[in-house]
């Protein structure tokens, strides 16, 4: 697996430890596990990895079943994250970032997906309310399903924490026609960082 990493700046590590101690520890471990070529970037790491999505169905905020493979393998880039509606720490930040990305995209076609890691509580109705709160447009789908399917998706993308309170802020991006190759942004990267990675897809 080819991995490209950025490095967390010291002042932001201290901030992360104060605000999100579990995130700071996990991000530090992520860097230590991949001691390869690094360059400076504040607050997050970026790598490329291969993830094989499970062949299963989830449910959108309208209560409609959707095939995960169809959502991930269309003709447009995909941005994926994992949230739950009752989260009060990193999820609001990640969802606000998605909201900003949506504004920056304008008419550019990109599929945005947020998968609930708390499907037993996140009904389609709750997802619809959450989508309204963050002004999710047609290109941004919020997904739930059975607990078994949610766990399978989390495990496939390396974000399963065992307890929703310990989940990590991760954003995943995939260009169309690239199979199972994804860009993984681990940490609370802002909309500009995500857009920069998306722009790299157009440049290739």
C-alpha atoms as a PDB file:
ATOM      1  CA  UNK A   1       0.000   0.000   0.000  1.00  0.00           C
ATOM      2  CA  UNK A   2       1.387   3.402  -1.012  1.00  0.00           C
ATOM      3  CA  UNK A   3       1.016   5.882   1.824  1.00  0.00           C
ATOM      4  CA  UNK A   4       1.583   9.628   1.706  1.00  0.00           C
ATOM      5  CA  UNK A   5       1.453  11.374   5.059  1.00  0.00           C
ATOM      6  CA  UNK A   6       1.421  14.862   6.438  1.00  0.00           C
ATOM      7  CA  UNK A   7       2.682  15.784   9.896  1.00  0.00           C
ATOM      8  CA  UNK A   8       0.800  17.447  12.751  1.00  0.00           C
ATOM      9  CA  UNK A   9       2.248  20.775  13.892  1.00  0.00           C
ATOM     10  CA  UNK A  10       3.206  20.882  17.578  1.00  0.00           C
ATOM     11  CA  UNK A  11       0.911  23.748  18.681  1.00  0.00           C
ATOM     12  CA  UNK A  12      -2.123  22.043  17.127  1.00  0.00           C
ATOM     13  CA  UNK A  13      -1.261  18.763  18.801  1.00  0.00           C
ATOM     14  CA  UNK A  14      -1.520  20.526  22.148  1.00  0.00           C
ATOM     15  CA  UNK A  15      -4.863  21.989  21.120  1.00  0.00           C
ATOM     16  CA  UNK A  16      -6.134  18.608  19.958  1.00  0.00           C
ATOM     17  CA  UNK A  17      -5.099  16.978  23.229  1.00  0.00           C
ATOM     18  CA  UNK A  18      -7.027  19.613  25.158  1.00  0.00           C
ATOM     19  CA  UNK A  19     -10.185  19.399  23.039  1.00  0.00           C
ATOM     20  CA  UNK A  20     -10.211  15.833  21.718  1.00  0.00           C
ATOM     21  CA  UNK A  21      -7.783  13.668  23.686  1.00  0.00           C
ATOM     22  CA  UNK A  22      -8.781  10.418  22.004  1.00  0.00           C
ATOM     23  CA  UNK A  23      -8.370  11.989  18.534  1.00  0.00           C
ATOM     24  CA  UNK A  24      -4.932  13.366  19.363  1.00  0.00           C
ATOM     25  CA  UNK A  25      -3.737   9.962  20.526  1.00  0.00           C
ATOM     26  CA  UNK A  26      -5.139   8.183  17.471  1.00  0.00           C
ATOM     27  CA  UNK A  27      -3.642  10.709  15.052  1.00  0.00           C
ATOM     28  CA  UNK A  28      -0.258  10.345  16.756  1.00  0.00           C
ATOM     29  CA  UNK A  29      -0.450   6.557  16.461  1.00  0.00           C
ATOM     30  CA  UNK A  30      -1.397   6.888  12.787  1.00  0.00           C
ATOM     31  CA  UNK A  31       1.805   8.821  12.118  1.00  0.00           C
ATOM     32  CA  UNK A  32       3.988   6.467  14.141  1.00  0.00           C
ATOM     33  CA  UNK A  33       2.615   3.436  12.303  1.00  0.00           C
ATOM     34  CA  UNK A  34       3.589   4.879   8.917  1.00  0.00           C
ATOM     35  CA  UNK A  35       7.123   6.231   9.310  1.00  0.00           C
ATOM     36  CA  UNK A  36       7.551   7.087   5.642  1.00  0.00           C
ATOM     37  CA  UNK A  37       8.193  10.273   3.678  1.00  0.00           C
ATOM     38  CA  UNK A  38       6.488  13.181   5.464  1.00  0.00           C
ATOM     39  CA  UNK A  39       5.967  16.874   4.948  1.00  0.00           C
ATOM     40  CA  UNK A  40       4.422  19.554   7.135  1.00  0.00           C
ATOM     41  CA  UNK A  41       0.672  20.112   7.311  1.00  0.00           C
ATOM     42  CA  UNK A  42      -1.231  21.280  10.391  1.00  0.00           C
ATOM     43  CA  UNK A  43      -3.749  19.118  12.194  1.00  0.00           C
ATOM     44  CA  UNK A  44      -4.372  16.107   9.967  1.00  0.00           C
ATOM     45  CA  UNK A  45      -2.777  13.332   7.927  1.00  0.00           C
ATOM     46  CA  UNK A  46      -3.393  12.443   4.284  1.00  0.00           C
ATOM     47  CA  UNK A  47      -2.706   9.018   2.841  1.00  0.00           C
ATOM     48  CA  UNK A  48      -3.799   6.798  -0.029  1.00  0.00           C
ATOM     49  CA  UNK A  49      -5.148   3.323   0.637  1.00  0.00           C
ATOM     50  CA  UNK A  50      -7.187   0.502  -0.870  1.00  0.00           C
ATOM     51  CA  UNK A  51     -10.613  -0.229   0.613  1.00  0.00           C
ATOM     52  CA  UNK A  52     -13.070  -2.812  -0.697  1.00  0.00           C
ATOM     53  CA  UNK A  53     -16.618  -1.760   0.112  1.00  0.00           C
ATOM     54  CA  UNK A  54     -19.017  -4.544   1.147  1.00  0.00           C
ATOM     55  CA  UNK A  55     -21.836  -5.461  -1.226  1.00  0.00           C
ATOM     56  CA  UNK A  56     -24.828  -4.379   0.844  1.00  0.00           C
ATOM     57  CA  UNK A  57     -27.720  -1.952   1.037  1.00  0.00           C
ATOM     58  CA  UNK A  58     -28.220   1.044   3.276  1.00  0.00           C
ATOM     59  CA  UNK A  59     -31.169   3.388   3.686  1.00  0.00           C
ATOM     60  CA  UNK A  60     -31.288   7.094   2.888  1.00  0.00           C
ATOM     61  CA  UNK A  61     -33.119   9.838   4.753  1.00  0.00           C
ATOM     62  CA  UNK A  62     -36.259   9.166   2.688  1.00  0.00           C
ATOM     63  CA  UNK A  63     -36.355   5.548   3.841  1.00  0.00           C
ATOM     64  CA  UNK A  64     -35.290   4.270   0.415  1.00  0.00           C
ATOM     65  CA  UNK A  65     -32.868   1.347   0.194  1.00  0.00           C
ATOM     66  CA  UNK A  66     -29.749   2.107  -1.830  1.00  0.00           C
ATOM     67  CA  UNK A  67     -26.936  -0.184  -2.945  1.00  0.00           C
ATOM     68  CA  UNK A  68     -23.607   0.990  -1.530  1.00  0.00           C
ATOM     69  CA  UNK A  69     -21.634  -0.163  -4.586  1.00  0.00           C
ATOM     70  CA  UNK A  70     -23.782   1.963  -6.887  1.00  0.00           C
ATOM     71  CA  UNK A  71     -23.236   5.035  -4.734  1.00  0.00           C
ATOM     72  CA  UNK A  72     -19.471   4.549  -4.601  1.00  0.00           C
ATOM     73  CA  UNK A  73     -18.830   3.620  -8.221  1.00  0.00           C
ATOM     74  CA  UNK A  74     -20.612   6.193 -10.332  1.00  0.00           C
ATOM     75  CA  UNK A  75     -19.194   8.673 -12.837  1.00  0.00           C
ATOM     76  CA  UNK A  76     -18.513  11.389 -10.269  1.00  0.00           C
ATOM     77  CA  UNK A  77     -16.006  11.746  -7.419  1.00  0.00           C
ATOM     78  CA  UNK A  78     -17.163  10.561  -3.983  1.00  0.00           C
ATOM     79  CA  UNK A  79     -16.584  12.106  -0.556  1.00  0.00           C
ATOM     80  CA  UNK A  80     -17.436   9.846   2.377  1.00  0.00           C
ATOM     81  CA  UNK A  81     -17.522  10.364   6.123  1.00  0.00           C
ATOM     82  CA  UNK A  82     -19.017   8.702   9.205  1.00  0.00           C
ATOM     83  CA  UNK A  83     -21.202  10.548  11.718  1.00  0.00           C
ATOM     84  CA  UNK A  84     -24.104  10.122  14.124  1.00  0.00           C
ATOM     85  CA  UNK A  85     -26.838  12.645  14.756  1.00  0.00           C
ATOM     86  CA  UNK A  86     -26.562  12.884  18.556  1.00  0.00           C
ATOM     87  CA  UNK A  87     -22.802  13.511  18.458  1.00  0.00           C
ATOM     88  CA  UNK A  88     -21.781  16.826  20.027  1.00  0.00           C
ATOM     89  CA  UNK A  89     -18.019  16.800  19.384  1.00  0.00           C
ATOM     90  CA  UNK A  90     -16.443  16.016  16.014  1.00  0.00           C
ATOM     91  CA  UNK A  91     -19.588  15.240  13.985  1.00  0.00           C
ATOM     92  CA  UNK A  92     -20.924  18.824  13.968  1.00  0.00           C
ATOM     93  CA  UNK A  93     -17.505  19.993  12.781  1.00  0.00           C
ATOM     94  CA  UNK A  94     -17.355  17.365  10.037  1.00  0.00           C
ATOM     95  CA  UNK A  95     -20.931  18.086   8.935  1.00  0.00           C
ATOM     96  CA  UNK A  96     -20.275  21.824   8.860  1.00  0.00           C
ATOM     97  CA  UNK A  97     -17.260  21.077   6.672  1.00  0.00           C
ATOM     98  CA  UNK A  98     -19.478  19.070   4.314  1.00  0.00           C
ATOM     99  CA  UNK A  99     -21.900  21.999   4.228  1.00  0.00           C
ATOM    100  CA  UNK A 100     -19.053  24.336   3.247  1.00  0.00           C
ATOM    101  CA  UNK A 101     -17.796  21.874   0.629  1.00  0.00           C
ATOM    102  CA  UNK A 102     -21.271  21.755  -0.862  1.00  0.00           C
ATOM    103  CA  UNK A 103     -21.255  25.546  -1.231  1.00  0.00           C
ATOM    104  CA  UNK A 104     -17.784  25.539  -2.775  1.00  0.00           C
ATOM    105  CA  UNK A 105     -18.759  22.853  -5.282  1.00  0.00           C
ATOM    106  CA  UNK A 106     -21.469  24.967  -6.856  1.00  0.00           C
ATOM    107  CA  UNK A 107     -22.700  23.052  -9.909  1.00  0.00           C
ATOM    108  CA  UNK A 108     -19.757  20.682  -9.905  1.00  0.00           C
ATOM    109  CA  UNK A 109     -20.987  17.100  -9.606  1.00  0.00           C
ATOM    110  CA  UNK A 110     -19.588  15.289  -6.582  1.00  0.00           C
ATOM    111  CA  UNK A 111     -21.398  12.657  -4.507  1.00  0.00           C
ATOM    112  CA  UNK A 112     -21.216  13.284  -0.770  1.00  0.00           C
ATOM    113  CA  UNK A 113     -22.099  10.465   1.631  1.00  0.00           C
ATOM    114  CA  UNK A 114     -22.418  10.467   5.426  1.00  0.00           C
ATOM    115  CA  UNK A 115     -22.923   7.016   6.969  1.00  0.00           C
ATOM    116  CA  UNK A 116     -24.359   6.777  10.474  1.00  0.00           C
ATOM    117  CA  UNK A 117     -22.356   4.787  12.997  1.00  0.00           C
ATOM    118  CA  UNK A 118     -25.394   4.754  15.310  1.00  0.00           C
ATOM    119  CA  UNK A 119     -28.073   3.220  13.058  1.00  0.00           C
ATOM    120  CA  UNK A 120     -30.162   1.911  15.938  1.00  0.00           C
ATOM    121  CA  UNK A 121     -30.971   5.513  16.871  1.00  0.00           C
ATOM    122  CA  UNK A 122     -30.451   7.273  13.538  1.00  0.00           C
ATOM    123  CA  UNK A 123     -33.717   6.559  11.760  1.00  0.00           C
ATOM    124  CA  UNK A 124     -34.383   8.031   8.305  1.00  0.00           C
ATOM    125  CA  UNK A 125     -36.523  10.681  10.025  1.00  0.00           C
ATOM    126  CA  UNK A 126     -33.622  11.729  12.264  1.00  0.00           C
ATOM    127  CA  UNK A 127     -31.282  11.800   9.276  1.00  0.00           C
ATOM    128  CA  UNK A 128     -33.746  14.022   7.409  1.00  0.00           C
ATOM    129  CA  UNK A 129     -33.855  16.425  10.337  1.00  0.00           C
ATOM    130  CA  UNK A 130     -30.050  16.397  10.525  1.00  0.00           C
ATOM    131  CA  UNK A 131     -29.804  16.976   6.760  1.00  0.00           C
ATOM    132  CA  UNK A 132     -32.128  19.962   7.061  1.00  0.00           C
ATOM    133  CA  UNK A 133     -30.001  21.388   9.883  1.00  0.00           C
ATOM    134  CA  UNK A 134     -26.895  21.339   7.680  1.00  0.00           C
ATOM    135  CA  UNK A 135     -28.750  22.313   4.490  1.00  0.00           C
ATOM    136  CA  UNK A 136     -27.827  19.099   2.691  1.00  0.00           C
ATOM    137  CA  UNK A 137     -28.600  19.292  -1.020  1.00  0.00           C
ATOM    138  CA  UNK A 138     -29.386  16.526  -3.484  1.00  0.00           C
ATOM    139  CA  UNK A 139     -25.737  15.547  -3.893  1.00  0.00           C
ATOM    140  CA  UNK A 140     -25.300  14.890  -0.166  1.00  0.00           C
ATOM    141  CA  UNK A 141     -26.890  11.659   1.052  1.00  0.00           C
ATOM    142  CA  UNK A 142     -27.128  10.643   4.700  1.00  0.00           C
ATOM    143  CA  UNK A 143     -27.324   6.892   5.169  1.00  0.00           C
ATOM    144  CA  UNK A 144     -28.368   4.472   7.876  1.00  0.00           C
ATOM    145  CA  UNK A 145     -29.367   0.804   7.952  1.00  0.00           C
ATOM    146  CA  UNK A 146     -28.993  -2.250  10.099  1.00  0.00           C
ATOM    147  CA  UNK A 147     -26.355  -2.320  12.807  1.00  0.00           C
ATOM    148  CA  UNK A 148     -24.703  -5.247  11.027  1.00  0.00           C
ATOM    149  CA  UNK A 149     -24.420  -3.333   7.759  1.00  0.00           C
ATOM    150  CA  UNK A 150     -23.170  -0.170   9.440  1.00  0.00           C
ATOM    151  CA  UNK A 151     -20.441  -2.120  11.207  1.00  0.00           C
ATOM    152  CA  UNK A 152     -19.489  -3.854   7.953  1.00  0.00           C
ATOM    153  CA  UNK A 153     -19.020  -0.504   6.202  1.00  0.00           C
ATOM    154  CA  UNK A 154     -17.054   0.980   9.099  1.00  0.00           C
ATOM    155  CA  UNK A 155     -14.788  -2.057   9.222  1.00  0.00           C
ATOM    156  CA  UNK A 156     -14.227  -2.012   5.457  1.00  0.00           C
ATOM    157  CA  UNK A 157     -13.015   1.609   5.589  1.00  0.00           C
ATOM    158  CA  UNK A 158     -10.908   1.271   8.712  1.00  0.00           C
ATOM    159  CA  UNK A 159     -12.990   3.527  10.959  1.00  0.00           C
ATOM    160  CA  UNK A 160     -14.602   1.011  13.334  1.00  0.00           C
ATOM    161  CA  UNK A 161     -13.903   2.157  16.897  1.00  0.00           C
ATOM    162  CA  UNK A 162     -16.083  -0.245  18.875  1.00  0.00           C
ATOM    163  CA  UNK A 163     -17.764   2.637  20.702  1.00  0.00           C
ATOM    164  CA  UNK A 164     -19.310   5.596  18.906  1.00  0.00           C
ATOM    165  CA  UNK A 165     -17.804   7.924  21.520  1.00  0.00           C
ATOM    166  CA  UNK A 166     -14.312   6.903  20.372  1.00  0.00           C
ATOM    167  CA  UNK A 167     -14.759   7.272  16.626  1.00  0.00           C
ATOM    168  CA  UNK A 168     -12.150   9.193  14.640  1.00  0.00           C
ATOM    169  CA  UNK A 169     -12.714  12.117  12.251  1.00  0.00           C
ATOM    170  CA  UNK A 170     -12.014  10.616   8.841  1.00  0.00           C
ATOM    171  CA  UNK A 171     -12.902  11.881   5.357  1.00  0.00           C
ATOM    172  CA  UNK A 172     -12.428   9.592   2.358  1.00  0.00           C
ATOM    173  CA  UNK A 173     -12.315  10.614  -1.296  1.00  0.00           C
ATOM    174  CA  UNK A 174     -12.363   8.586  -4.500  1.00  0.00           C
ATOM    175  CA  UNK A 175     -12.042   9.626  -8.119  1.00  0.00           C
ATOM    176  CA  UNK A 176     -14.271   7.887 -10.679  1.00  0.00           C
ATOM    177  CA  UNK A 177     -12.696   4.932 -12.430  1.00  0.00           C
ATOM    178  CA  UNK A 178     -10.068   4.314  -9.743  1.00  0.00           C
ATOM    179  CA  UNK A 179     -11.474   1.072  -8.365  1.00  0.00           C
ATOM    180  CA  UNK A 180     -10.831   0.650  -4.663  1.00  0.00           C
ATOM    181  CA  UNK A 181      -8.193   3.396  -4.324  1.00  0.00           C
ATOM    182  CA  UNK A 182      -9.116   6.134  -1.853  1.00  0.00           C
ATOM    183  CA  UNK A 183      -7.564   9.259  -0.388  1.00  0.00           C
ATOM    184  CA  UNK A 184      -7.890   9.189   3.410  1.00  0.00           C
ATOM    185  CA  UNK A 185      -7.843  12.440   5.388  1.00  0.00           C
ATOM    186  CA  UNK A 186      -7.611  11.671   9.084  1.00  0.00           C
ATOM    187  CA  UNK A 187      -8.312  14.615  11.373  1.00  0.00           C
ATOM    188  CA  UNK A 188     -10.461  17.732  11.280  1.00  0.00           C
ATOM    189  CA  UNK A 189      -9.337  19.080   7.919  1.00  0.00           C
ATOM    190  CA  UNK A 190     -11.309  22.053   6.634  1.00  0.00           C
ATOM    191  CA  UNK A 191     -13.260  22.385   3.390  1.00  0.00           C
ATOM    192  CA  UNK A 192     -10.307  23.953   1.602  1.00  0.00           C
ATOM    193  CA  UNK A 193      -8.151  20.886   2.213  1.00  0.00           C
ATOM    194  CA  UNK A 194     -10.847  18.541   0.894  1.00  0.00           C
ATOM    195  CA  UNK A 195     -11.412  20.719  -2.168  1.00  0.00           C
ATOM    196  CA  UNK A 196      -7.667  20.731  -2.837  1.00  0.00           C
ATOM    197  CA  UNK A 197      -7.676  16.924  -2.913  1.00  0.00           C
ATOM    198  CA  UNK A 198     -10.718  16.939  -5.206  1.00  0.00           C
ATOM    199  CA  UNK A 199      -8.966  19.318  -7.577  1.00  0.00           C
ATOM    200  CA  UNK A 200      -6.123  16.826  -7.876  1.00  0.00           C
ATOM    201  CA  UNK A 201      -8.599  14.392  -9.454  1.00  0.00           C
ATOM    202  CA  UNK A 202      -9.336  16.892 -12.226  1.00  0.00           C
ATOM    203  CA  UNK A 203      -5.633  17.450 -12.852  1.00  0.00           C
ATOM    204  CA  UNK A 204      -4.939  13.799 -13.607  1.00  0.00           C
END
